C-alpha cells in the first residue's frame, strides 16, 4: 500500500467497486475478513468480493493498493475459487455487526453498529475502532433503535471476539435483502446449522419458500425440521406444489404427515396428488399450477396473465386451453398457445382460434427419459401432462427436468457443469439418461 490512509468503516465499505490497475471493474466489496490476534488489534487479511455471476471470492489485503473516493484499487489477479472462511477468521459485517459487547468503563452494554479500520505504521490494516449504540434501559430489542451512539477503541469493550450473543439474524438478512433466492441459498449453505435456522426464521414465508427450492436436499430438510411445525407448513403452502412434494418426500414420515395435516387443504391435496407418482416420472416432476384458460378467453387477457412478475419464465411461456373446470385436473386439454404467438395476434381474438397445431403431451407415468427426449426433440420449454382421457394434470417445465438430471450436489459445485458451448444441451442429456430411470 502506497501511503497511510484515513479510517474507513466496514459497513460503509460494503458495495464499493473494486478495480484492477488499468481501471476495469472486477467486482464489489461485500465484507472484510479479519483475524483476531492474541496481542494487539485484529488484522485485516482480506476482503470478500462479489464478481460477475454472484460468486464471492477472496481478495488478499496485500493486493489492495488504495481505498479512496468510493473505490478499491487492486493489483494482480483474483483467485476465482469461492470464498470460505479459514479457522479463526471472522467477517466484520457478517460476524461482528450487531454483536453485543460490554463496556469496560462499567457503563453497561452496547451493540456494535460498525467497525473502523486503519493502517498501522507497517501499512497493514487493523480493526481499531467500534461504533456502538449503548443500551438505553430495559432489555435489548432485536435491533436497538434508541440509545446513545458512541465511537470507542476496540480495547474498550469485552466480548467482541468471545462467546457473546451472535449477530442479529435480522441485520444479517438486511445486508442480503437484494439477493436472488439462489444467491441467498448459497450464503445459507455456508452458515452453521444454528445460524441457518435463525436466518430462516426472519424470512417471510414466500422468500423462504423460494430459497428452499434452491437448497440441496440435506440442507432444506435441516431447515424445515428446525422450524416450528405450523411455520414449516405455511412455507410449504407458499412453495410450488412440485417443489413442496419433493421436499415432503425427503422428510421423515411422521414429520411429513404432520406438515401435510397442517397445510391448507387445497395445497395439501395438490402435494398428495404429486406424491402418488414416482419422482422420476412426468407426474412426479410436473407443477399442478400451469396457466389454464377457456377457449373463448381473449388474447389480451392471456398476455396479462403471463406478464405477472411472480410467474416463473418457464410457466409463462405457454397458455393451456381447456374445457371447464379451469383447474387441474381439468376438463379435456384442447391445445396450447405459446406467448410469442399471442404477441402476434390482435388483443380481442379468442385463444381457441389460434391453438398450436403441433400437439405434444406426455402421460403422468412417462419416465424422465421419455419426457426429456420429447422436450429436446421439439425444443419445448414446457410440456403438458395428461391422463388417459386427455385431461390436463399439470405441466413439466425445463427447470423441473434439469433439477432431476443434474448431479444431486450440483448446487454445491464451484464450477458449472462443463459443456462444449457453455449451454446445457437437452438432446445430449436425453441420449445419456437411460440409466437414471432404469432403462438400458
Protein backbone atom coordinates (compact mmCIF):
# COMPACT_ATOMS: atom_id res chain seq x y z
CA UNK A 1 0.00 0.00 0.00
CA UNK A 2 1.41 3.31 -1.05
CA UNK A 3 0.68 5.63 1.86
CA UNK A 4 -1.16 5.69 5.20
CA UNK A 5 -4.87 6.36 4.72
CA UNK A 6 -7.70 7.66 6.87
CA UNK A 7 -10.03 5.43 8.83
CA UNK A 8 -12.65 3.52 6.90
CA UNK A 9 -15.75 1.74 8.20
CA UNK A 10 -16.63 -1.78 7.13
CA UNK A 11 -20.38 -1.30 6.69
CA UNK A 12 -19.80 1.79 4.56
CA UNK A 13 -17.20 -0.06 2.52
CA UNK A 14 -19.73 -2.74 1.54
CA UNK A 15 -20.90 -2.11 -2.01
CA UNK A 16 -17.69 -0.32 -3.04
CA UNK A 17 -16.48 -1.26 -6.50
CA UNK A 18 -13.12 -2.95 -6.99
CA UNK A 19 -10.96 -2.01 -9.98
CA UNK A 20 -7.79 -3.51 -11.43
CA UNK A 21 -4.74 -1.31 -12.22
CA UNK A 22 -5.97 -0.43 -15.73
CA UNK A 23 -9.36 0.73 -14.49
CA UNK A 24 -11.54 -2.29 -15.30
CA UNK A 25 -14.14 -3.14 -12.66
CA UNK A 26 -13.67 -6.67 -11.31
CA UNK A 27 -16.27 -6.82 -8.54
CA UNK A 28 -17.88 -5.31 -5.45
CA UNK A 29 -16.79 -5.45 -1.80
CA UNK A 30 -19.26 -7.42 0.34
CA UNK A 31 -17.33 -7.93 3.59
CA UNK A 32 -13.97 -7.57 5.34
CA UNK A 33 -12.09 -10.62 6.66
CA UNK A 34 -10.34 -10.01 9.99
CA UNK A 35 -8.13 -12.26 12.09
CA UNK A 36 -8.21 -11.61 15.87
CA UNK A 37 -4.75 -11.52 17.49
CA UNK A 38 -3.71 -12.76 20.92
CA UNK A 39 -1.95 -9.46 21.48
CA UNK A 40 -2.94 -6.38 19.54
CA UNK A 41 -5.76 -5.39 17.23
CA UNK A 42 -7.47 -7.75 14.84
CA UNK A 43 -5.67 -7.71 11.49
CA UNK A 44 -7.45 -7.32 8.18
CA UNK A 45 -6.37 -10.25 6.00
CA UNK A 46 -8.58 -9.54 3.01
CA UNK A 47 -11.92 -8.66 1.51
CA UNK A 48 -14.87 -10.70 0.26
CA UNK A 49 -15.53 -9.53 -3.29
CA UNK A 50 -18.58 -10.40 -5.36
CA UNK A 51 -17.63 -10.89 -9.00
CA UNK A 52 -19.92 -11.35 -12.04
CA UNK A 53 -22.09 -14.42 -11.64
CA UNK A 54 -22.70 -13.59 -7.93
CA UNK A 55 -19.62 -15.63 -6.95
CA UNK A 56 -17.91 -14.41 -3.77
CA UNK A 57 -14.14 -14.66 -3.81
CA UNK A 58 -11.25 -13.62 -1.58
CA UNK A 59 -9.11 -10.54 -2.27
CA UNK A 60 -5.98 -10.55 -0.04
CA UNK A 61 -5.30 -7.26 1.74
CA UNK A 62 -1.78 -7.35 0.33
CA UNK A 63 -3.27 -6.95 -3.17
CA UNK A 64 -5.09 -3.72 -2.28
CA UNK A 65 -3.11 -0.65 -3.29
CA UNK A 66 -5.66 2.05 -2.45
CA UNK A 67 -9.08 2.61 -0.92
CA UNK A 68 -10.21 6.06 -1.93
CA UNK A 69 -13.15 8.06 -3.34
CA UNK A 70 -15.59 5.16 -3.21
CA UNK A 71 -13.34 2.67 -4.95
CA UNK A 72 -10.86 -0.08 -4.13
CA UNK A 73 -7.82 -0.50 -6.38
CA UNK A 74 -6.12 -3.88 -6.55
CA UNK A 75 -3.05 -5.34 -8.18
CA UNK A 76 -2.55 -8.74 -9.80
CA UNK A 77 -5.34 -11.24 -10.50
CA UNK A 78 -8.21 -12.54 -8.39
CA UNK A 79 -8.37 -16.20 -7.47
CA UNK A 80 -11.88 -17.21 -8.59
CA UNK A 81 -12.27 -20.01 -6.04
CA UNK A 82 -15.38 -19.44 -3.92
CA UNK A 83 -14.57 -17.75 -0.60
CA UNK A 84 -14.53 -19.88 2.52
CA UNK A 85 -13.54 -18.67 5.97
CA UNK A 86 -10.46 -20.25 7.48
CA UNK A 87 -10.12 -21.24 11.10
CA UNK A 88 -10.02 -18.18 13.37
CA UNK A 89 -11.16 -15.70 10.72
CA UNK A 90 -14.22 -13.50 11.21
CA UNK A 91 -16.27 -11.29 8.92
CA UNK A 92 -16.51 -7.67 10.01
CA UNK A 93 -20.07 -7.37 8.71
CA UNK A 94 -21.27 -10.95 8.84
CA UNK A 95 -19.96 -11.78 12.33
CA UNK A 96 -19.30 -8.55 14.26
CA UNK A 97 -22.09 -6.13 13.41
CA UNK A 98 -24.95 -6.20 15.93
CA UNK A 99 -22.76 -8.15 18.36
CA UNK A 100 -23.46 -7.27 21.99
CA UNK A 101 -20.41 -6.12 23.94
CA UNK A 102 -19.71 -4.92 27.47
CA UNK A 103 -18.07 -1.53 28.03
CA UNK A 104 -15.08 -1.88 30.35
CA UNK A 105 -15.71 1.51 31.99
CA UNK A 106 -18.68 -0.05 33.76
CA UNK A 107 -21.31 1.95 31.85
CA UNK A 108 -23.13 -1.16 30.66
CA UNK A 109 -23.68 -2.96 27.40
CA UNK A 110 -23.79 -1.77 23.80
CA UNK A 111 -24.33 -3.12 20.30
CA UNK A 112 -21.72 -2.88 17.54
CA UNK A 113 -23.09 -0.84 14.62
CA UNK A 114 -19.85 -0.56 12.62
CA UNK A 115 -16.13 -1.28 12.88
CA UNK A 116 -13.41 1.21 11.98
CA UNK A 117 -10.29 0.08 10.11
CA UNK A 118 -6.98 1.96 9.98
CA UNK A 119 -3.46 1.37 8.70
CA UNK A 120 -0.65 0.93 11.19
CA UNK A 121 2.92 2.13 10.71
CA UNK A 122 3.66 -1.01 8.68
CA UNK A 123 0.75 -0.08 6.38
CA UNK A 124 -1.26 -3.12 7.46
CA UNK A 125 -4.98 -2.62 8.03
CA UNK A 126 -6.26 -3.23 11.57
CA UNK A 127 -9.57 -3.07 13.38
CA UNK A 128 -9.09 -0.07 15.70
CA UNK A 129 -12.48 1.50 16.46
CA UNK A 130 -16.01 0.39 17.22
CA UNK A 131 -19.10 2.47 16.56
CA UNK A 132 -21.60 1.44 19.23
CA UNK A 133 -25.18 2.02 20.24
CA UNK A 134 -25.46 1.96 24.02
CA UNK A 135 -28.45 0.25 25.60
CA UNK A 136 -30.98 2.73 26.95
CA UNK A 137 -32.68 0.98 29.84
CA UNK A 138 -34.64 -2.28 29.75
CA UNK A 139 -33.64 -5.21 27.62
CA UNK A 140 -32.29 -5.21 24.10
CA UNK A 141 -34.78 -5.36 21.28
CA UNK A 142 -33.89 -7.39 18.20
CA UNK A 143 -32.45 -4.26 16.62
CA UNK A 144 -31.55 -1.49 19.07
CA UNK A 145 -33.04 1.70 17.65
CA UNK A 146 -32.67 4.07 20.62
CA UNK A 147 -29.86 4.94 22.94
CA UNK A 148 -26.57 6.81 22.91
CA UNK A 149 -24.25 6.41 19.91
CA UNK A 150 -20.50 6.45 20.57
CA UNK A 151 -17.19 5.50 18.97
CA UNK A 152 -14.56 3.83 21.18
CA UNK A 153 -11.23 1.97 20.77
CA UNK A 154 -11.69 -1.77 20.34
CA UNK A 155 -9.87 -2.36 23.65
CA UNK A 156 -12.65 -0.52 25.49
CA UNK A 157 -15.05 -3.45 25.28
CA UNK A 158 -15.23 -7.10 26.21
CA UNK A 159 -16.98 -9.80 24.21
CA UNK A 160 -16.15 -8.64 20.71
CA UNK A 161 -14.46 -11.90 19.73
CA UNK A 162 -15.62 -14.06 22.61
CA UNK A 163 -18.76 -16.07 23.24
CA UNK A 164 -21.16 -13.13 23.22
CA UNK A 165 -24.56 -13.31 21.51
CA UNK A 166 -24.34 -13.84 17.77
CA UNK A 167 -25.14 -11.19 15.23
CA UNK A 168 -28.84 -10.46 14.87
CA UNK A 169 -30.30 -12.54 12.06
CA UNK A 170 -32.48 -9.57 11.13
CA UNK A 171 -29.44 -7.35 10.49
CA UNK A 172 -27.66 -10.10 8.60
CA UNK A 173 -30.76 -10.58 6.48
CA UNK A 174 -30.98 -6.85 5.77
CA UNK A 175 -27.50 -6.93 4.24
CA UNK A 176 -28.67 -9.65 1.81
CA UNK A 177 -32.16 -8.34 1.03
CA UNK A 178 -31.43 -7.66 -2.65
CA UNK A 179 -30.01 -11.10 -3.40
CA UNK A 180 -31.83 -13.57 -5.63
CA UNK A 181 -33.06 -16.76 -3.91
CA UNK A 182 -30.29 -18.88 -5.45
CA UNK A 183 -27.60 -16.49 -4.17
CA UNK A 184 -29.14 -16.26 -0.71
CA UNK A 185 -29.34 -20.06 -0.69
CA UNK A 186 -25.61 -20.27 -1.37
CA UNK A 187 -24.93 -18.00 1.61
CA UNK A 188 -27.24 -20.03 3.88
CA UNK A 189 -25.31 -23.18 2.98
CA UNK A 190 -22.13 -21.57 4.33
CA UNK A 191 -23.69 -20.82 7.75
CA UNK A 192 -23.64 -23.19 10.68
CA UNK A 193 -26.93 -25.03 11.44
CA UNK A 194 -27.94 -22.71 14.28
CA UNK A 195 -27.46 -19.58 12.15
CA UNK A 196 -29.37 -21.18 9.26
CA UNK A 197 -32.45 -21.61 11.44
CA UNK A 198 -32.11 -18.08 12.85
CA UNK A 199 -31.91 -16.59 9.38
CA UNK A 200 -34.75 -18.76 8.06
CA UNK A 201 -36.95 -17.56 10.94
CA UNK A 202 -36.50 -13.95 9.78
CA UNK A 203 -37.52 -14.62 6.17
CA UNK A 204 -41.11 -14.24 5.00
CA UNK A 205 -42.91 -17.45 4.05
CA UNK A 206 -42.69 -16.62 0.33
CA UNK A 207 -39.00 -15.66 0.47
CA UNK A 208 -38.07 -18.77 2.46
CA UNK A 209 -40.08 -20.93 0.06
CA UNK A 210 -38.09 -19.55 -2.88
CA UNK A 211 -34.79 -20.10 -1.06
CA UNK A 212 -35.63 -23.69 -0.03
CA UNK A 213 -36.20 -24.56 -3.68
CA UNK A 214 -32.55 -23.61 -4.31
CA UNK A 215 -31.00 -25.63 -1.46
CA UNK A 216 -29.63 -29.19 -1.61
CA UNK A 217 -31.77 -31.89 -0.08
CA UNK A 218 -29.99 -32.31 3.26
CA UNK A 219 -29.86 -28.57 3.95
CA UNK A 220 -33.53 -27.88 3.26
CA UNK A 221 -34.60 -30.86 5.35
CA UNK A 222 -32.45 -29.48 8.17
CA UNK A 223 -34.05 -26.03 7.86
CA UNK A 224 -37.65 -27.26 7.67
CA UNK A 225 -37.30 -29.67 10.60
CA UNK A 226 -35.71 -26.86 12.63
CA UNK A 227 -38.76 -24.63 12.24
CA UNK A 228 -41.97 -24.70 14.26
CA UNK A 229 -44.36 -27.15 12.59
CA UNK A 230 -47.00 -24.51 11.88
CA UNK A 231 -44.42 -22.19 10.31
CA UNK A 232 -43.00 -25.05 8.23
CA UNK A 233 -46.49 -25.87 6.93
CA UNK A 234 -47.05 -22.22 5.96
CA UNK A 235 -43.79 -22.26 4.00
CA UNK A 236 -44.84 -25.45 2.18
CA UNK A 237 -48.12 -23.71 1.29
CA UNK A 238 -46.08 -20.92 -0.33
CA UNK A 239 -43.92 -23.30 -2.39
CA UNK A 240 -44.75 -24.51 -5.89
CA UNK A 241 -46.62 -27.82 -5.43
CA UNK A 242 -43.97 -29.88 -7.24
CA UNK A 243 -41.16 -28.44 -5.10
CA UNK A 244 -43.24 -28.90 -1.94
CA UNK A 245 -43.87 -32.53 -2.90
CA UNK A 246 -40.16 -33.12 -3.46
CA UNK A 247 -39.40 -31.68 -0.02
CA UNK A 248 -42.15 -33.62 1.77
CA UNK A 249 -40.82 -36.81 0.16
CA UNK A 250 -37.42 -36.13 1.74
CA UNK A 251 -38.78 -35.66 5.28
CA UNK A 252 -39.18 -38.40 7.88
CA UNK A 253 -42.65 -39.97 7.51
CA UNK A 254 -44.09 -38.67 10.83
CA UNK A 255 -42.89 -35.12 10.09
CA UNK A 256 -44.19 -35.23 6.53
CA UNK A 257 -47.64 -36.40 7.66
CA UNK A 258 -47.85 -33.74 10.39
CA UNK A 259 -47.00 -30.95 7.95
CA UNK A 260 -49.47 -32.19 5.34
CA UNK A 261 -52.21 -32.17 8.01
CA UNK A 262 -51.29 -28.56 8.93
CA UNK A 263 -51.20 -27.27 5.34
CA UNK A 264 -54.14 -25.57 3.65
CA UNK A 265 -56.42 -28.36 2.37
CA UNK A 266 -56.20 -27.34 -1.31
CA UNK A 267 -52.40 -27.03 -1.21
CA UNK A 268 -52.05 -30.33 0.65
CA UNK A 269 -54.27 -32.05 -1.92
CA UNK A 270 -52.00 -30.90 -4.76
CA UNK A 271 -48.95 -32.23 -2.91
CA UNK A 272 -50.60 -35.58 -2.13
CA UNK A 273 -51.58 -35.96 -5.78
CA UNK A 274 -47.95 -35.47 -6.83
CA UNK A 275 -46.67 -37.87 -4.17
CA UNK A 276 -48.68 -40.64 -5.85
CA UNK A 277 -46.20 -40.60 -8.75
CA UNK A 278 -42.63 -41.82 -8.82
CA UNK A 279 -40.18 -38.90 -8.50
CA UNK A 280 -38.58 -39.61 -11.90
CA UNK A 281 -41.80 -39.52 -13.91
CA UNK A 282 -43.71 -36.71 -15.58
CA UNK A 283 -46.29 -36.81 -12.78
CA UNK A 284 -43.60 -36.59 -10.12
CA UNK A 285 -41.91 -33.60 -11.79
CA UNK A 286 -44.92 -31.60 -13.00
CA UNK A 287 -46.39 -28.48 -11.49
CA UNK A 288 -50.14 -28.62 -10.90
CA UNK A 289 -50.49 -24.87 -11.47
CA UNK A 290 -49.87 -24.16 -15.18
CA UNK A 291 -51.66 -21.27 -16.88
CA UNK A 292 -55.14 -22.50 -17.91
CA UNK A 293 -57.78 -20.58 -19.88
CA UNK A 294 -61.05 -21.34 -21.66
CA UNK A 295 -61.12 -21.31 -25.49
CA UNK A 296 -63.15 -18.09 -25.55
CA UNK A 297 -60.56 -16.17 -23.49
CA UNK A 298 -59.22 -13.15 -25.45
CA UNK A 299 -55.51 -12.84 -26.26
CA UNK A 300 -55.26 -9.63 -24.19
CA UNK A 301 -56.30 -11.48 -21.02
CA UNK A 302 -53.70 -14.20 -21.67
CA UNK A 303 -50.96 -11.61 -22.11
CA UNK A 304 -51.96 -10.01 -18.81
CA UNK A 305 -51.67 -13.43 -17.12
CA UNK A 306 -48.16 -14.17 -18.40
CA UNK A 307 -46.90 -10.69 -17.50
CA UNK A 308 -47.24 -11.28 -13.76
CA UNK A 309 -43.86 -10.69 -12.13
CA UNK A 310 -44.07 -13.63 -9.73
CA UNK A 311 -44.70 -16.14 -12.53
CA UNK A 312 -41.60 -18.21 -13.45
CA UNK A 313 -40.45 -17.68 -17.03
CA UNK A 314 -40.89 -21.34 -17.99
CA UNK A 315 -44.53 -21.37 -16.88
CA UNK A 316 -45.19 -18.02 -18.56
CA UNK A 317 -44.08 -19.44 -21.91
CA UNK A 318 -47.29 -21.42 -22.50
CA UNK A 319 -51.03 -20.99 -22.05
CA UNK A 320 -53.08 -24.21 -21.82
CA UNK A 321 -56.54 -24.05 -23.37
CA UNK A 322 -59.02 -26.43 -21.72
CA UNK A 323 -62.69 -27.09 -21.25
CA UNK A 324 -64.07 -26.21 -17.83
CA UNK A 325 -63.14 -26.67 -14.99
CA UNK A 326 -60.05 -24.49 -15.34
CA UNK A 327 -58.02 -26.12 -12.55
CA UNK A 328 -56.02 -29.32 -12.64
CA UNK A 329 -57.20 -31.97 -13.16
CA UNK A 330 -59.25 -30.07 -15.73
CA UNK A 331 -61.66 -30.90 -18.46
CA UNK A 332 -60.12 -32.02 -21.74
CA UNK A 333 -56.98 -30.24 -22.96
CA UNK A 334 -57.80 -28.62 -26.31
CA UNK A 335 -54.29 -27.37 -27.02
CA UNK A 336 -51.66 -24.80 -26.11
CA UNK A 337 -50.60 -21.34 -27.29
CA UNK A 338 -47.03 -20.05 -26.90
CA UNK A 339 -46.54 -16.50 -25.70
CA UNK A 340 -44.78 -15.43 -28.92
CA UNK A 341 -47.88 -16.42 -30.87
CA UNK A 342 -50.01 -14.35 -28.50
CA UNK A 343 -47.88 -11.29 -29.25
CA UNK A 344 -48.63 -11.61 -32.97
CA UNK A 345 -52.42 -11.74 -32.63
CA UNK A 346 -54.99 -8.99 -32.18
CA UNK A 347 -55.93 -8.48 -28.48
CA UNK A 348 -59.61 -9.40 -28.83
CA UNK A 349 -59.11 -12.70 -30.66
CA UNK A 350 -60.19 -15.85 -28.71
CA UNK A 351 -57.26 -18.17 -28.00
CA UNK A 352 -59.33 -21.15 -29.07
CA UNK A 353 -58.86 -19.96 -32.66
CA UNK A 354 -55.04 -19.94 -32.55
CA UNK A 355 -54.09 -23.26 -30.95
CA UNK A 356 -50.65 -24.62 -31.80
CA UNK A 357 -51.16 -27.29 -34.50
CA UNK A 358 -48.22 -29.35 -33.17
CA UNK A 359 -49.56 -31.00 -30.05
CA UNK A 360 -47.08 -32.69 -27.72
CA UNK A 361 -48.14 -34.24 -24.42
CA UNK A 362 -46.95 -36.93 -22.01
CA UNK A 363 -48.81 -39.13 -19.54
CA UNK A 364 -48.20 -38.91 -15.80
CA UNK A 365 -46.38 -42.27 -15.71
CA UNK A 366 -43.97 -41.30 -18.52
CA UNK A 367 -40.34 -41.81 -17.34
CA UNK A 368 -37.87 -38.95 -17.15
CA UNK A 369 -36.02 -40.16 -20.26
CA UNK A 370 -39.21 -40.02 -22.35
CA UNK A 371 -40.04 -36.51 -21.12
CA UNK A 372 -36.50 -35.29 -21.80
CA UNK A 373 -36.39 -36.75 -25.31
CA UNK A 374 -39.77 -35.25 -26.22
CA UNK A 375 -38.77 -31.79 -24.99
CA UNK A 376 -35.34 -31.96 -26.62
CA UNK A 377 -36.65 -33.24 -29.97
CA UNK A 378 -39.21 -30.45 -30.32
CA UNK A 379 -37.31 -27.68 -28.45
CA UNK A 380 -40.01 -27.34 -25.79
CA UNK A 381 -39.73 -25.16 -22.69
CA UNK A 382 -42.68 -26.97 -21.11
CA UNK A 383 -44.90 -29.95 -21.96
CA UNK A 384 -48.46 -30.73 -20.77
CA UNK A 385 -49.11 -33.85 -18.70
CA UNK A 386 -52.46 -35.55 -19.41
CA UNK A 387 -54.37 -38.62 -18.22
CA UNK A 388 -55.86 -41.40 -20.38
CA UNK A 389 -58.91 -39.22 -21.13
CA UNK A 390 -56.83 -36.26 -22.27
CA UNK A 391 -57.48 -34.17 -19.15
CA UNK A 392 -54.72 -31.75 -18.14
CA UNK A 393 -52.98 -32.88 -14.95
CA UNK A 394 -50.13 -30.36 -14.97
CA UNK A 395 -47.05 -29.36 -16.93
CA UNK A 396 -43.36 -30.26 -16.79
CA UNK A 397 -41.02 -27.30 -17.38
CA UNK A 398 -37.39 -27.36 -18.42
CA UNK A 399 -36.21 -26.31 -14.95
CA UNK A 400 -38.02 -29.33 -13.47
CA UNK A 401 -36.15 -31.60 -15.90
CA UNK A 402 -32.77 -30.04 -15.13
CA UNK A 403 -33.33 -30.46 -11.38
CA UNK A 404 -33.68 -34.20 -11.98
CA UNK A 405 -30.88 -34.79 -14.49
CA UNK A 406 -28.11 -32.73 -12.89
CA UNK A 407 -26.00 -34.35 -10.12
CA UNK A 408 -27.57 -34.25 -6.65
CA UNK A 409 -24.80 -31.93 -5.42
CA UNK A 410 -24.80 -29.55 -8.41
CA UNK A 411 -25.73 -26.57 -6.21
CA UNK A 412 -22.61 -27.12 -4.12
CA UNK A 413 -20.15 -27.32 -7.02
CA UNK A 414 -17.81 -24.34 -7.50
CA UNK A 415 -17.79 -24.66 -11.29
CA UNK A 416 -20.68 -25.08 -13.74
CA UNK A 417 -21.25 -28.40 -15.47
CA UNK A 418 -18.83 -28.33 -18.45
CA UNK A 419 -20.34 -28.30 -21.94
CA UNK A 420 -18.96 -27.59 -25.39
CA UNK A 421 -20.77 -24.29 -25.84
CA UNK A 422 -21.30 -23.25 -22.23
CA UNK A 423 -25.00 -24.18 -22.51
CA UNK A 424 -26.75 -27.38 -21.49
CA UNK A 425 -27.96 -29.38 -24.49
CA UNK A 426 -31.11 -31.32 -23.56
CA UNK A 427 -30.70 -33.63 -26.53
CA UNK A 428 -27.31 -34.75 -25.17
CA UNK A 429 -28.88 -35.33 -21.76
CA UNK A 430 -31.72 -37.27 -23.34
CA UNK A 431 -29.33 -39.67 -25.09
CA UNK A 432 -27.46 -40.48 -21.90
CA UNK A 433 -30.19 -40.51 -19.30
CA UNK A 434 -31.46 -44.06 -19.61
CA UNK A 435 -29.53 -45.41 -16.63
CA UNK A 436 -31.07 -42.84 -14.22
CA UNK A 437 -34.59 -44.22 -14.54
CA UNK A 438 -33.98 -47.91 -15.05
CA UNK A 439 -33.56 -48.12 -18.83
CA UNK A 440 -30.54 -49.68 -20.52
